[in-house]
Amino acid sequence: MSVWQVMERIHSQFQASTSEVAALPLHGLSAKTGEGAQDLLPAAMHLYDTWNKRLTTSRLNNWREKVIFAACHAVNVDLCYR
C-alpha cells in the first residue's frame, strides 16, 4: 500500500467520524524531503479565513427565511438555537 493510499484511507475515516470537517482538503507533507510544505501555509490561511467569516444577523435571517420557505412553504417557522 502506498503512502497516498494510506493518507486517503485516514482521510476517509476522518471524514466519516467528524461531520464538521467533512469537506476539508487533504494535504500531504513529507518530513524527509519537505515535499508539500509550500502548500501548507496557504491552505491553513484559506481554512482560517473560511471558518472565521462573519455574517450579519439580518443577512443570516434573510437566508434562513428563503431556505425555510423553499423547503416547506411556511412563513412562520420558529427555530430553537442551542
C-alpha atoms as a PDB file:
ATOM      1  CA  MET A   1       0.000   0.000   0.000  1.00  0.00           C
ATOM      2  CA  SER A   2       1.442   3.380  -0.990  1.00  0.00           C
ATOM      3  CA  VAL A   3       1.726   6.403   1.260  1.00  0.00           C
ATOM      4  CA  TRP A   4      -1.033   8.174  -0.689  1.00  0.00           C
ATOM      5  CA  GLN A   5      -3.368   5.191  -0.286  1.00  0.00           C
ATOM      6  CA  VAL A   6      -2.761   5.260   3.474  1.00  0.00           C
ATOM      7  CA  MET A   7      -3.437   9.013   3.550  1.00  0.00           C
ATOM      8  CA  GLU A   8      -6.641   8.571   1.573  1.00  0.00           C
ATOM      9  CA  ARG A   9      -7.803   5.844   3.964  1.00  0.00           C
ATOM     10  CA  ILE A  10      -7.053   8.027   7.009  1.00  0.00           C
ATOM     11  CA  HIS A  11      -8.789  10.981   5.368  1.00  0.00           C
ATOM     12  CA  SER A  12     -11.932   8.984   4.572  1.00  0.00           C
ATOM     13  CA  GLN A  13     -12.110   7.629   8.126  1.00  0.00           C
ATOM     14  CA  PHE A  14     -11.631  11.141   9.490  1.00  0.00           C
ATOM     15  CA  GLN A  15     -14.385  12.497   7.257  1.00  0.00           C
ATOM     16  CA  ALA A  16     -16.786   9.778   8.337  1.00  0.00           C
ATOM     17  CA  SER A  17     -16.167  10.424  12.032  1.00  0.00           C
ATOM     18  CA  THR A  18     -16.362  14.244  12.036  1.00  0.00           C
ATOM     19  CA  SER A  19     -19.131  15.855  10.018  1.00  0.00           C
ATOM     20  CA  GLU A  20     -17.972  19.414  10.801  1.00  0.00           C
ATOM     21  CA  VAL A  21     -14.806  18.947   8.786  1.00  0.00           C
ATOM     22  CA  ALA A  22     -16.017  16.571   6.095  1.00  0.00           C
ATOM     23  CA  ALA A  23     -15.043  18.954   3.304  1.00  0.00           C
ATOM     24  CA  LEU A  24     -11.508  19.658   4.495  1.00  0.00           C
ATOM     25  CA  PRO A  25      -8.854  19.083   1.859  1.00  0.00           C
ATOM     26  CA  LEU A  26      -6.111  16.507   2.246  1.00  0.00           C
ATOM     27  CA  HIS A  27      -2.545  17.872   2.130  1.00  0.00           C
ATOM     28  CA  GLY A  28       0.422  15.573   2.092  1.00  0.00           C
ATOM     29  CA  LEU A  29       3.688  16.636   3.677  1.00  0.00           C
ATOM     30  CA  SER A  30       6.968  14.749   3.622  1.00  0.00           C
ATOM     31  CA  ALA A  31       9.140  15.173   6.714  1.00  0.00           C
ATOM     32  CA  LYS A  32      12.044  13.633   4.851  1.00  0.00           C
ATOM     33  CA  THR A  33      12.038  15.714   1.654  1.00  0.00           C
ATOM     34  CA  GLY A  34       9.834  18.665   2.588  1.00  0.00           C
ATOM     35  CA  GLU A  35       7.561  17.954  -0.363  1.00  0.00           C
ATOM     36  CA  GLY A  36       4.185  19.634   0.099  1.00  0.00           C
ATOM     37  CA  ALA A  37       5.427  22.150   2.673  1.00  0.00           C
ATOM     38  CA  GLN A  38       4.937  25.068   0.255  1.00  0.00           C
ATOM     39  CA  ASP A  39       1.201  24.298   0.070  1.00  0.00           C
ATOM     40  CA  LEU A  40       0.596  24.004   3.797  1.00  0.00           C
ATOM     41  CA  LEU A  41       0.566  27.657   4.914  1.00  0.00           C
ATOM     42  CA  PRO A  42      -1.680  28.928   2.083  1.00  0.00           C
ATOM     43  CA  ALA A  43      -4.109  26.071   2.785  1.00  0.00           C
ATOM     44  CA  ALA A  44      -4.131  26.851   6.505  1.00  0.00           C
ATOM     45  CA  MET A  45      -4.748  30.551   5.838  1.00  0.00           C
ATOM     46  CA  HIS A  46      -7.606  29.723   3.465  1.00  0.00           C
ATOM     47  CA  LEU A  47      -9.222  27.471   6.074  1.00  0.00           C
ATOM     48  CA  TYR A  48      -8.785  30.137   8.754  1.00  0.00           C
ATOM     49  CA  ASP A  49     -10.442  32.768   6.548  1.00  0.00           C
ATOM     50  CA  THR A  50     -13.284  30.420   5.624  1.00  0.00           C
ATOM     51  CA  TRP A  51     -14.056  29.289   9.192  1.00  0.00           C
ATOM     52  CA  ASN A  52     -13.860  32.820  10.600  1.00  0.00           C
ATOM     53  CA  LYS A  53     -16.256  34.557   8.236  1.00  0.00           C
ATOM     54  CA  ARG A  54     -18.824  36.676   9.977  1.00  0.00           C
ATOM     55  CA  LEU A  55     -22.344  37.261   8.759  1.00  0.00           C
ATOM     56  CA  THR A  56     -24.661  39.978   9.917  1.00  0.00           C
ATOM     57  CA  THR A  57     -27.790  38.809  11.688  1.00  0.00           C
ATOM     58  CA  SER A  58     -30.043  40.318   9.019  1.00  0.00           C
ATOM     59  CA  ARG A  59     -28.191  38.542   6.212  1.00  0.00           C
ATOM     60  CA  LEU A  60     -28.359  35.241   8.084  1.00  0.00           C
ATOM     61  CA  ASN A  61     -32.077  35.689   8.855  1.00  0.00           C
ATOM     62  CA  ASN A  62     -32.849  36.546   5.218  1.00  0.00           C
ATOM     63  CA  TRP A  63     -31.048  33.388   4.068  1.00  0.00           C
ATOM     64  CA  ARG A  64     -32.840  31.303   6.718  1.00  0.00           C
ATOM     65  CA  GLU A  65     -36.261  32.604   5.645  1.00  0.00           C
ATOM     66  CA  LYS A  66     -35.574  31.814   1.984  1.00  0.00           C
ATOM     67  CA  VAL A  67     -34.402  28.289   2.784  1.00  0.00           C
ATOM     68  CA  ILE A  68     -37.291  27.506   5.127  1.00  0.00           C
ATOM     69  CA  PHE A  69     -39.875  28.940   2.744  1.00  0.00           C
ATOM     70  CA  ALA A  70     -38.420  26.981  -0.173  1.00  0.00           C
ATOM     71  CA  ALA A  71     -38.320  23.774   1.864  1.00  0.00           C
ATOM     72  CA  CYS A  72     -41.762  23.821   3.454  1.00  0.00           C
ATOM     73  CA  HIS A  73     -43.631  26.826   2.008  1.00  0.00           C
ATOM     74  CA  ALA A  74     -44.229  28.147   5.504  1.00  0.00           C
ATOM     75  CA  VAL A  75     -43.952  31.747   6.577  1.00  0.00           C
ATOM     76  CA  ASN A  76     -43.578  31.388  10.354  1.00  0.00           C
ATOM     77  CA  VAL A  77     -41.188  28.697  11.475  1.00  0.00           C
ATOM     78  CA  ASP A  78     -39.507  29.175  14.819  1.00  0.00           C
ATOM     79  CA  LEU A  79     -36.052  27.745  15.261  1.00  0.00           C
ATOM     80  CA  CYS A  80     -34.554  26.875  18.609  1.00  0.00           C
ATOM     81  CA  TYR A  81     -30.857  27.746  18.896  1.00  0.00           C
ATOM     82  CA  ARG A  82     -28.882  25.817  21.498  1.00  0.00           C
END
